[in-house]
Amino acid sequence: METVRRLRAMASLCRQTSAHHPDRSWKLLAEAEFWEHLANDVLREHFEQCTAGSSLAPIGDDPNTAESSARITA
C-alpha cells in the first residue's frame, strides 16, 4: 500500500507542477495519468493476491441464501 501512496503522490506532484507551468501542462497531466494508472495496477494486483486464497463464494452461489429467500417469499 506504501507503493500506491507514493505513486499517487507522484501524480499529485505532476498536477501541481502543471498549474505553475502552463506551457508544459499537457505533458505533466499526461504523466500524472501515467502515475495514477500504475497506482491502480498495483492496487488491483494487491487486491487479487488478497482474494486469491479466499474461500468466499459469490452471493448468488450460496444455496442457503436461495432457501432463505424462498422461505421469506412463501
Protein backbone atom coordinates (compact mmCIF):
# COMPACT_ATOMS: atom_id res chain seq x y z
CA MET A 1 0.00 0.00 0.00
CA GLU A 2 3.00 2.24 0.51
CA THR A 3 3.77 1.92 -3.19
CA VAL A 4 0.25 3.04 -4.13
CA ARG A 5 0.58 6.08 -1.89
CA ARG A 6 3.93 7.03 -3.44
CA LEU A 7 2.66 6.60 -7.00
CA ARG A 8 -0.37 8.76 -6.26
CA ALA A 9 1.89 11.35 -4.65
CA MET A 10 3.86 11.49 -7.91
CA ALA A 11 0.63 12.02 -9.83
CA SER A 12 -0.36 14.79 -7.46
CA LEU A 13 3.03 16.46 -7.81
CA CYS A 14 2.69 16.39 -11.60
CA ARG A 15 -0.75 18.03 -11.38
CA GLN A 16 0.51 20.72 -9.02
CA THR A 17 3.52 21.42 -11.23
CA SER A 18 1.29 21.69 -14.29
CA ALA A 19 -0.61 24.53 -12.61
CA HIS A 20 2.64 26.50 -12.32
CA HIS A 21 3.92 25.67 -15.82
CA PRO A 22 1.07 26.10 -18.32
CA ASP A 23 3.45 25.70 -21.25
CA ARG A 24 4.19 22.11 -20.13
CA SER A 25 0.84 21.31 -18.54
CA TRP A 26 -0.25 18.83 -21.22
CA LYS A 27 2.90 16.75 -20.68
CA LEU A 28 2.67 16.92 -16.89
CA LEU A 29 -1.01 15.98 -16.88
CA ALA A 30 -0.25 13.01 -19.13
CA GLU A 31 2.48 11.97 -16.72
CA ALA A 32 0.06 12.31 -13.80
CA GLU A 33 -2.33 9.98 -15.60
CA PHE A 34 0.52 7.52 -16.10
CA TRP A 35 1.33 7.50 -12.37
CA GLU A 36 -2.35 7.03 -11.49
CA HIS A 37 -2.54 4.12 -13.93
CA LEU A 38 0.47 2.48 -12.26
CA ALA A 39 -1.06 3.01 -8.81
CA ASN A 40 -4.31 1.40 -9.95
CA ASP A 41 -2.41 -1.57 -11.38
CA VAL A 42 -0.51 -2.08 -8.11
CA LEU A 43 -3.73 -1.79 -6.12
CA ARG A 44 -5.53 -4.26 -8.40
CA GLU A 45 -2.65 -6.73 -8.12
CA HIS A 46 -2.66 -6.41 -4.33
CA PHE A 47 -6.43 -6.99 -4.22
CA GLU A 48 -6.17 -10.05 -6.48
CA GLN A 49 -3.44 -11.53 -4.27
CA CYS A 50 -5.54 -10.96 -1.17
CA THR A 51 -8.65 -12.55 -2.65
CA ALA A 52 -6.92 -15.43 -4.49
CA GLY A 53 -6.90 -17.66 -1.42
CA SER A 54 -10.33 -16.63 -0.24
CA SER A 55 -12.92 -19.38 0.04
CA LEU A 56 -15.82 -16.96 -0.16
CA ALA A 57 -18.34 -17.81 -2.84
CA PRO A 58 -20.30 -15.12 -4.66
CA ILE A 59 -23.62 -14.30 -3.00
CA GLY A 60 -25.70 -15.93 -5.74
CA ASP A 61 -23.86 -19.25 -5.36
CA ASP A 62 -24.86 -19.87 -1.75
CA PRO A 63 -27.67 -22.46 -1.66
CA ASN A 64 -28.64 -21.37 1.87
CA THR A 65 -29.36 -17.87 0.59
CA ALA A 66 -31.78 -19.20 -2.02
CA GLU A 67 -33.57 -21.31 0.61
CA SER A 68 -33.85 -18.38 2.98
CA SER A 69 -35.29 -16.09 0.34
CA ALA A 70 -37.73 -18.82 -0.77
CA ARG A 71 -38.99 -19.15 2.82
CA ILE A 72 -39.39 -15.40 3.15
CA THR A 73 -41.44 -15.06 -0.05
CA ALA A 74 -43.63 -18.08 0.69
